[in-house]
Amino acid sequence: MHDDLKSADSLSQLGAHHSNSHAKVLAWDNNDLLITSLNWLSASAPNNLVEIYHEIGVYVQGWDVAKDFIKVFRSL
């Protein structure tokens, strides 16, 4: 699974230095992971569907998915 995560283009941009990614990641246990563009402290997500700029995110739940993501992220 680690090789699959390392090969994903979006993950290769998530390095801590000189990142081109706008993603924010929240993992609260080994099995739950949220990846989003939302700035949790400085932005509010509009509930108006006609706004041209929207935040996007994906919630992933699976056995050790967050644990594996963190392990790969730290190895970048």
PDB file of N, CA and C in Angstrom:
ATOM      1  N   MET A   1       0.813  -1.193   0.000  1.00  0.00           N
ATOM      2  CA  MET A   1       0.000   0.000   0.000  1.00  0.00           C
ATOM      3  C   MET A   1       0.858   1.259   0.000  1.00  0.00           C
ATOM      4  N   HIS A   2       1.988   1.228   0.665  1.00  0.00           N
ATOM      5  CA  HIS A   2       2.836   2.411   0.734  1.00  0.00           C
ATOM      6  C   HIS A   2       3.321   2.834  -0.643  1.00  0.00           C
ATOM      7  N   ASP A   3       3.666   1.889  -1.499  1.00  0.00           N
ATOM      8  CA  ASP A   3       4.126   2.226  -2.837  1.00  0.00           C
ATOM      9  C   ASP A   3       3.025   2.908  -3.631  1.00  0.00           C
ATOM     10  N   ASP A   4       1.775   2.458  -3.454  1.00  0.00           N
ATOM     11  CA  ASP A   4       0.657   3.093  -4.134  1.00  0.00           C
ATOM     12  C   ASP A   4       0.505   4.535  -3.688  1.00  0.00           C
ATOM     13  N   LEU A   5       0.638   4.788  -2.393  1.00  0.00           N
ATOM     14  CA  LEU A   5       0.497   6.150  -1.887  1.00  0.00           C
ATOM     15  C   LEU A   5       1.634   7.040  -2.363  1.00  0.00           C
ATOM     16  N   LYS A   6       2.838   6.520  -2.394  1.00  0.00           N
ATOM     17  CA  LYS A   6       3.977   7.317  -2.832  1.00  0.00           C
ATOM     18  C   LYS A   6       3.864   7.704  -4.297  1.00  0.00           C
ATOM     19  N   SER A   7       3.229   6.875  -5.102  1.00  0.00           N
ATOM     20  CA  SER A   7       3.154   7.155  -6.525  1.00  0.00           C
ATOM     21  C   SER A   7       2.051   8.142  -6.883  1.00  0.00           C
ATOM     22  N   ALA A   8       1.160   8.428  -5.971  1.00  0.00           N
ATOM     23  CA  ALA A   8       0.067   9.355  -6.262  1.00  0.00           C
ATOM     24  C   ALA A   8       0.614  10.764  -6.410  1.00  0.00           C
ATOM     25  N   ASP A   9       0.271  11.434  -7.514  1.00  0.00           N
ATOM     26  CA  ASP A   9       0.785  12.779  -7.775  1.00  0.00           C
ATOM     27  C   ASP A   9       0.450  13.750  -6.656  1.00  0.00           C
ATOM     28  N   SER A  10      -0.757  13.698  -6.137  1.00  0.00           N
ATOM     29  CA  SER A  10      -1.152  14.647  -5.097  1.00  0.00           C
ATOM     30  C   SER A  10      -0.320  14.469  -3.838  1.00  0.00           C
ATOM     31  N   LEU A  11       0.043  13.252  -3.501  1.00  0.00           N
ATOM     32  CA  LEU A  11       0.828  13.027  -2.292  1.00  0.00           C
ATOM     33  C   LEU A  11       2.276  13.445  -2.476  1.00  0.00           C
ATOM     34  N   SER A  12       2.783  13.360  -3.678  1.00  0.00           N
ATOM     35  CA  SER A  12       4.176  13.736  -3.888  1.00  0.00           C
ATOM     36  C   SER A  12       4.376  15.232  -3.701  1.00  0.00           C
ATOM     37  N   GLN A  13       3.308  16.002  -3.720  1.00  0.00           N
ATOM     38  CA  GLN A  13       3.393  17.443  -3.539  1.00  0.00           C
ATOM     39  C   GLN A  13       3.186  17.861  -2.092  1.00  0.00           C
ATOM     40  N   LEU A  14       2.978  16.940  -1.191  1.00  0.00           N
ATOM     41  CA  LEU A  14       2.638  17.286   0.178  1.00  0.00           C
ATOM     42  C   LEU A  14       3.834  17.400   1.111  1.00  0.00           C
ATOM     43  N   GLY A  15       5.024  17.508   0.575  1.00  0.00           N
ATOM     44  CA  GLY A  15       6.192  17.655   1.427  1.00  0.00           C
ATOM     45  C   GLY A  15       6.109  18.918   2.274  1.00  0.00           C
ATOM     46  N   ALA A  16       6.764  18.906   3.396  1.00  0.00           N
ATOM     47  CA  ALA A  16       6.694  20.033   4.320  1.00  0.00           C
ATOM     48  C   ALA A  16       7.413  21.267   3.782  1.00  0.00           C
ATOM     49  N   HIS A  17       8.377  21.088   2.900  1.00  0.00           N
ATOM     50  CA  HIS A  17       9.147  22.212   2.384  1.00  0.00           C
ATOM     51  C   HIS A  17       8.835  22.442   0.914  1.00  0.00           C
ATOM     52  N   HIS A  18       8.642  23.687   0.525  1.00  0.00           N
ATOM     53  CA  HIS A  18       8.405  24.084  -0.862  1.00  0.00           C
ATOM     54  C   HIS A  18       7.231  23.327  -1.479  1.00  0.00           C
ATOM     55  N   SER A  19       6.162  23.234  -0.759  1.00  0.00           N
ATOM     56  CA  SER A  19       4.994  22.492  -1.224  1.00  0.00           C
ATOM     57  C   SER A  19       4.183  23.313  -2.217  1.00  0.00           C
ATOM     58  N   ASN A  20       3.668  22.652  -3.234  1.00  0.00           N
ATOM     59  CA  ASN A  20       2.751  23.272  -4.179  1.00  0.00           C
ATOM     60  C   ASN A  20       1.316  22.900  -3.868  1.00  0.00           C
ATOM     61  N   SER A  21       1.107  22.170  -2.811  1.00  0.00           N
ATOM     62  CA  SER A  21      -0.219  21.679  -2.465  1.00  0.00           C
ATOM     63  C   SER A  21      -0.938  22.649  -1.546  1.00  0.00           C
ATOM     64  N   HIS A  22      -2.235  22.714  -1.721  1.00  0.00           N
ATOM     65  CA  HIS A  22      -3.079  23.541  -0.863  1.00  0.00           C
ATOM     66  C   HIS A  22      -3.828  22.664   0.141  1.00  0.00           C
ATOM     67  N   ALA A  23      -3.506  21.389   0.181  1.00  0.00           N
ATOM     68  CA  ALA A  23      -4.250  20.424   0.995  1.00  0.00           C
ATOM     69  C   ALA A  23      -3.935  20.560   2.475  1.00  0.00           C
ATOM     70  N   LYS A  24      -4.962  20.333   3.267  1.00  0.00           N
ATOM     71  CA  LYS A  24      -4.822  20.221   4.715  1.00  0.00           C
ATOM     72  C   LYS A  24      -5.283  18.824   5.084  1.00  0.00           C
ATOM     73  N   VAL A  25      -4.574  18.185   5.989  1.00  0.00           N
ATOM     74  CA  VAL A  25      -4.877  16.801   6.351  1.00  0.00           C
ATOM     75  C   VAL A  25      -5.186  16.730   7.834  1.00  0.00           C
ATOM     76  N   LEU A  26      -6.259  16.039   8.163  1.00  0.00           N
ATOM     77  CA  LEU A  26      -6.641  15.807   9.551  1.00  0.00           C
ATOM     78  C   LEU A  26      -6.841  14.310   9.735  1.00  0.00           C
ATOM     79  N   ALA A  27      -6.060  13.721  10.628  1.00  0.00           N
ATOM     80  CA  ALA A  27      -6.192  12.302  10.964  1.00  0.00           C
ATOM     81  C   ALA A  27      -6.394  12.217  12.462  1.00  0.00           C
ATOM     82  N   TRP A  28      -7.484  11.606  12.897  1.00  0.00           N
ATOM     83  CA  TRP A  28      -7.761  11.580  14.334  1.00  0.00           C
ATOM     84  C   TRP A  28      -7.618  10.202  14.953  1.00  0.00           C
ATOM     85  N   ASP A  29      -7.378   9.207  14.159  1.00  0.00           N
ATOM     86  CA  ASP A  29      -7.015   7.879  14.648  1.00  0.00           C
ATOM     87  C   ASP A  29      -6.383   7.131  13.480  1.00  0.00           C
ATOM     88  N   ASN A  30      -6.122   5.876  13.625  1.00  0.00           N
ATOM     89  CA  ASN A  30      -5.460   5.116  12.560  1.00  0.00           C
ATOM     90  C   ASN A  30      -6.328   4.904  11.333  1.00  0.00           C
ATOM     91  N   ASN A  31      -7.641   5.039  11.476  1.00  0.00           N
ATOM     92  CA  ASN A  31      -8.557   4.623  10.417  1.00  0.00           C
ATOM     93  C   ASN A  31      -9.349   5.750   9.767  1.00  0.00           C
ATOM     94  N   ASP A  32      -9.182   6.987  10.214  1.00  0.00           N
ATOM     95  CA  ASP A  32      -9.980   8.100   9.697  1.00  0.00           C
ATOM     96  C   ASP A  32      -9.074   9.243   9.261  1.00  0.00           C
ATOM     97  N   LEU A  33      -9.335   9.747   8.048  1.00  0.00           N
ATOM     98  CA  LEU A  33      -8.482  10.755   7.440  1.00  0.00           C
ATOM     99  C   LEU A  33      -9.350  11.723   6.646  1.00  0.00           C
ATOM    100  N   LEU A  34      -9.093  13.009   6.798  1.00  0.00           N
ATOM    101  CA  LEU A  34      -9.782  14.038   6.028  1.00  0.00           C
ATOM    102  C   LEU A  34      -8.729  14.854   5.302  1.00  0.00           C
ATOM    103  N   ILE A  35      -8.870  14.972   3.993  1.00  0.00           N
ATOM    104  CA  ILE A  35      -7.972  15.788   3.178  1.00  0.00           C
ATOM    105  C   ILE A  35      -8.839  16.859   2.533  1.00  0.00           C
ATOM    106  N   THR A  36      -8.498  18.119   2.763  1.00  0.00           N
ATOM    107  CA  THR A  36      -9.349  19.205   2.296  1.00  0.00           C
ATOM    108  C   THR A  36      -8.524  20.430   1.930  1.00  0.00           C
ATOM    109  N   SER A  37      -9.135  21.353   1.219  1.00  0.00           N
ATOM    110  CA  SER A  37      -8.498  22.631   0.912  1.00  0.00           C
ATOM    111  C   SER A  37      -8.946  23.716   1.885  1.00  0.00           C
ATOM    112  N   LEU A  38      -9.879  23.402   2.761  1.00  0.00           N
ATOM    113  CA  LEU A  38     -10.434  24.382   3.698  1.00  0.00           C
ATOM    114  C   LEU A  38      -9.392  24.827   4.717  1.00  0.00           C
ATOM    115  N   ASN A  39      -9.235  26.129   4.876  1.00  0.00           N
ATOM    116  CA  ASN A  39      -8.394  26.697   5.927  1.00  0.00           C
ATOM    117  C   ASN A  39      -9.243  26.758   7.185  1.00  0.00           C
ATOM    118  N   TRP A  40      -9.053  25.829   8.081  1.00  0.00           N
ATOM    119  CA  TRP A  40      -9.933  25.655   9.231  1.00  0.00           C
ATOM    120  C   TRP A  40     -10.060  26.903  10.090  1.00  0.00           C
ATOM    121  N   LEU A  41      -8.989  27.653  10.280  1.00  0.00           N
ATOM    122  CA  LEU A  41      -9.030  28.800  11.186  1.00  0.00           C
ATOM    123  C   LEU A  41      -9.252  30.132  10.489  1.00  0.00           C
ATOM    124  N   SER A  42      -9.026  30.216   9.186  1.00  0.00           N
ATOM    125  CA  SER A  42      -9.091  31.517   8.531  1.00  0.00           C
ATOM    126  C   SER A  42     -10.131  31.618   7.431  1.00  0.00           C
ATOM    127  N   ALA A  43     -10.855  30.575   7.149  1.00  0.00           N
ATOM    128  CA  ALA A  43     -11.843  30.622   6.072  1.00  0.00           C
ATOM    129  C   ALA A  43     -13.141  29.986   6.529  1.00  0.00           C
ATOM    130  N   SER A  44     -14.187  30.441   5.925  1.00  0.00           N
ATOM    131  CA  SER A  44     -15.474  29.805   6.193  1.00  0.00           C
ATOM    132  C   SER A  44     -15.995  29.244   4.879  1.00  0.00           C
ATOM    133  N   ALA A  45     -16.551  28.087   4.937  1.00  0.00           N
ATOM    134  CA  ALA A  45     -17.101  27.459   3.739  1.00  0.00           C
ATOM    135  C   ALA A  45     -18.464  28.073   3.447  1.00  0.00           C
ATOM    136  N   PRO A  46     -18.630  28.716   2.294  1.00  0.00           N
ATOM    137  CA  PRO A  46     -19.922  29.315   1.976  1.00  0.00           C
ATOM    138  C   PRO A  46     -20.961  28.238   1.688  1.00  0.00           C
ATOM    139  N   ASN A  47     -22.174  28.485   2.106  1.00  0.00           N
ATOM    140  CA  ASN A  47     -23.248  27.546   1.787  1.00  0.00           C
ATOM    141  C   ASN A  47     -24.051  28.036   0.593  1.00  0.00           C
ATOM    142  N   ASN A  48     -23.521  29.009  -0.115  1.00  0.00           N
ATOM    143  CA  ASN A  48     -24.143  29.560  -1.301  1.00  0.00           C
ATOM    144  C   ASN A  48     -23.563  28.845  -2.527  1.00  0.00           C
ATOM    145  N   LEU A  49     -24.379  28.117  -3.251  1.00  0.00           N
ATOM    146  CA  LEU A  49     -23.895  27.312  -4.376  1.00  0.00           C
ATOM    147  C   LEU A  49     -23.523  28.132  -5.601  1.00  0.00           C
ATOM    148  N   VAL A  50     -23.842  29.432  -5.628  1.00  0.00           N
ATOM    149  CA  VAL A  50     -23.481  30.242  -6.787  1.00  0.00           C
ATOM    150  C   VAL A  50     -22.102  30.879  -6.639  1.00  0.00           C
ATOM    151  N   GLU A  51     -21.476  30.734  -5.491  1.00  0.00           N
ATOM    152  CA  GLU A  51     -20.113  31.232  -5.302  1.00  0.00           C
ATOM    153  C   GLU A  51     -19.199  30.525  -6.300  1.00  0.00           C
ATOM    154  N   ILE A  52     -18.260  31.254  -6.884  1.00  0.00           N
ATOM    155  CA  ILE A  52     -17.381  30.612  -7.871  1.00  0.00           C
ATOM    156  C   ILE A  52     -16.226  29.858  -7.230  1.00  0.00           C
ATOM    157  N   TYR A  53     -15.886  30.190  -5.987  1.00  0.00           N
ATOM    158  CA  TYR A  53     -14.794  29.502  -5.304  1.00  0.00           C
ATOM    159  C   TYR A  53     -15.354  28.638  -4.193  1.00  0.00           C
ATOM    160  N   HIS A  54     -15.047  27.383  -4.237  1.00  0.00           N
ATOM    161  CA  HIS A  54     -15.509  26.452  -3.215  1.00  0.00           C
ATOM    162  C   HIS A  54     -14.327  25.656  -2.681  1.00  0.00           C
ATOM    163  N   GLU A  55     -14.443  25.263  -1.453  1.00  0.00           N
ATOM    164  CA  GLU A  55     -13.461  24.361  -0.866  1.00  0.00           C
ATOM    165  C   GLU A  55     -13.897  22.938  -1.200  1.00  0.00           C
ATOM    166  N   ILE A  56     -12.940  22.044  -1.226  1.00  0.00           N
ATOM    167  CA  ILE A  56     -13.254  20.654  -1.528  1.00  0.00           C
ATOM    168  C   ILE A  56     -12.485  19.761  -0.558  1.00  0.00           C
ATOM    169  N   GLY A  57     -13.046  18.616  -0.274  1.00  0.00           N
ATOM    170  CA  GLY A  57     -12.376  17.693   0.626  1.00  0.00           C
ATOM    171  C   GLY A  57     -12.887  16.281   0.433  1.00  0.00           C
ATOM    172  N   VAL A  58     -12.142  15.356   0.988  1.00  0.00           N
ATOM    173  CA  VAL A  58     -12.540  13.960   0.926  1.00  0.00           C
ATOM    174  C   VAL A  58     -12.275  13.324   2.288  1.00  0.00           C
ATOM    175  N   TYR A  59     -13.250  12.571   2.759  1.00  0.00           N
ATOM    176  CA  TYR A  59     -13.123  11.821   4.003  1.00  0.00           C
ATOM    177  C   TYR A  59     -12.869  10.371   3.629  1.00  0.00           C
ATOM    178  N   VAL A  60     -11.820   9.792   4.206  1.00  0.00           N
ATOM    179  CA  VAL A  60     -11.456   8.408   3.908  1.00  0.00           C
ATOM    180  C   VAL A  60     -11.459   7.625   5.207  1.00  0.00           C
ATOM    181  N   GLN A  61     -12.166   6.506   5.198  1.00  0.00           N
ATOM    182  CA  GLN A  61     -12.180   5.627   6.362  1.00  0.00           C
ATOM    183  C   GLN A  61     -11.814   4.225   5.899  1.00  0.00           C
ATOM    184  N   GLY A  62     -10.852   3.641   6.564  1.00  0.00           N
ATOM    185  CA  GLY A  62     -10.422   2.294   6.225  1.00  0.00           C
ATOM    186  C   GLY A  62      -9.364   1.834   7.207  1.00  0.00           C
ATOM    187  N   TRP A  63      -9.169   0.554   7.256  1.00  0.00           N
ATOM    188  CA  TRP A  63      -8.233  -0.028   8.206  1.00  0.00           C
ATOM    189  C   TRP A  63      -6.833   0.557   7.996  1.00  0.00           C
ATOM    190  N   ASP A  64      -6.313   1.281   8.972  1.00  0.00           N
ATOM    191  CA  ASP A  64      -4.968   1.875   8.993  1.00  0.00           C
ATOM    192  C   ASP A  64      -4.707   2.878   7.872  1.00  0.00           C
ATOM    193  N   VAL A  65      -5.726   3.427   7.237  1.00  0.00           N
ATOM    194  CA  VAL A  65      -5.506   4.372   6.143  1.00  0.00           C
ATOM    195  C   VAL A  65      -4.805   5.636   6.641  1.00  0.00           C
ATOM    196  N   ALA A  66      -5.198   6.162   7.783  1.00  0.00           N
ATOM    197  CA  ALA A  66      -4.542   7.356   8.320  1.00  0.00           C
ATOM    198  C   ALA A  66      -3.130   7.033   8.791  1.00  0.00           C
ATOM    199  N   LYS A  67      -2.973   5.914   9.420  1.00  0.00           N
ATOM    200  CA  LYS A  67      -1.650   5.478   9.884  1.00  0.00           C
ATOM    201  C   LYS A  67      -0.695   5.348   8.702  1.00  0.00           C
ATOM    202  N   ASP A  68      -1.158   4.721   7.616  1.00  0.00           N
ATOM    203  CA  ASP A  68      -0.325   4.551   6.428  1.00  0.00           C
ATOM    204  C   ASP A  68      -0.024   5.898   5.766  1.00  0.00           C
ATOM    205  N   PHE A  69      -1.023   6.776   5.694  1.00  0.00           N
ATOM    206  CA  PHE A  69      -0.825   8.097   5.096  1.00  0.00           C
ATOM    207  C   PHE A  69       0.252   8.871   5.853  1.00  0.00           C
ATOM    208  N   ILE A  70       0.154   8.890   7.169  1.00  0.00           N
ATOM    209  CA  ILE A  70       1.123   9.616   7.996  1.00  0.00           C
ATOM    210  C   ILE A  70       2.526   9.034   7.824  1.00  0.00           C
ATOM    211  N   LYS A  71       2.619   7.736   7.767  1.00  0.00           N
ATOM    212  CA  LYS A  71       3.922   7.082   7.586  1.00  0.00           C
ATOM    213  C   LYS A  71       4.549   7.488   6.254  1.00  0.00           C
ATOM    214  N   VAL A  72       3.758   7.481   5.189  1.00  0.00           N
ATOM    215  CA  VAL A  72       4.264   7.874   3.873  1.00  0.00           C
ATOM    216  C   VAL A  72       4.603   9.361   3.857  1.00  0.00           C
ATOM    217  N   PHE A  73       3.741  10.195   4.421  1.00  0.00           N
ATOM    218  CA  PHE A  73       3.970  11.636   4.458  1.00  0.00           C
ATOM    219  C   PHE A  73       5.288  11.961   5.156  1.00  0.00           C
ATOM    220  N   ARG A  74       5.544  11.317   6.263  1.00  0.00           N
ATOM    221  CA  ARG A  74       6.786  11.565   7.007  1.00  0.00           C
ATOM    222  C   ARG A  74       8.019  11.093   6.247  1.00  0.00           C
ATOM    223  N   SER A  75       7.852  10.146   5.339  1.00  0.00           N
ATOM    224  CA  SER A  75       8.998   9.641   4.580  1.00  0.00           C
ATOM    225  C   SER A  75       9.330  10.513   3.371  1.00  0.00           C
ATOM    226  N   LEU A  76       8.472  11.458   3.035  1.00  0.00           N
ATOM    227  CA  LEU A  76       8.706  12.310   1.853  1.00  0.00           C
ATOM    228  C   LEU A  76       9.813  13.313   2.097  1.00  0.00           C
TER     229      LEU A  76
END
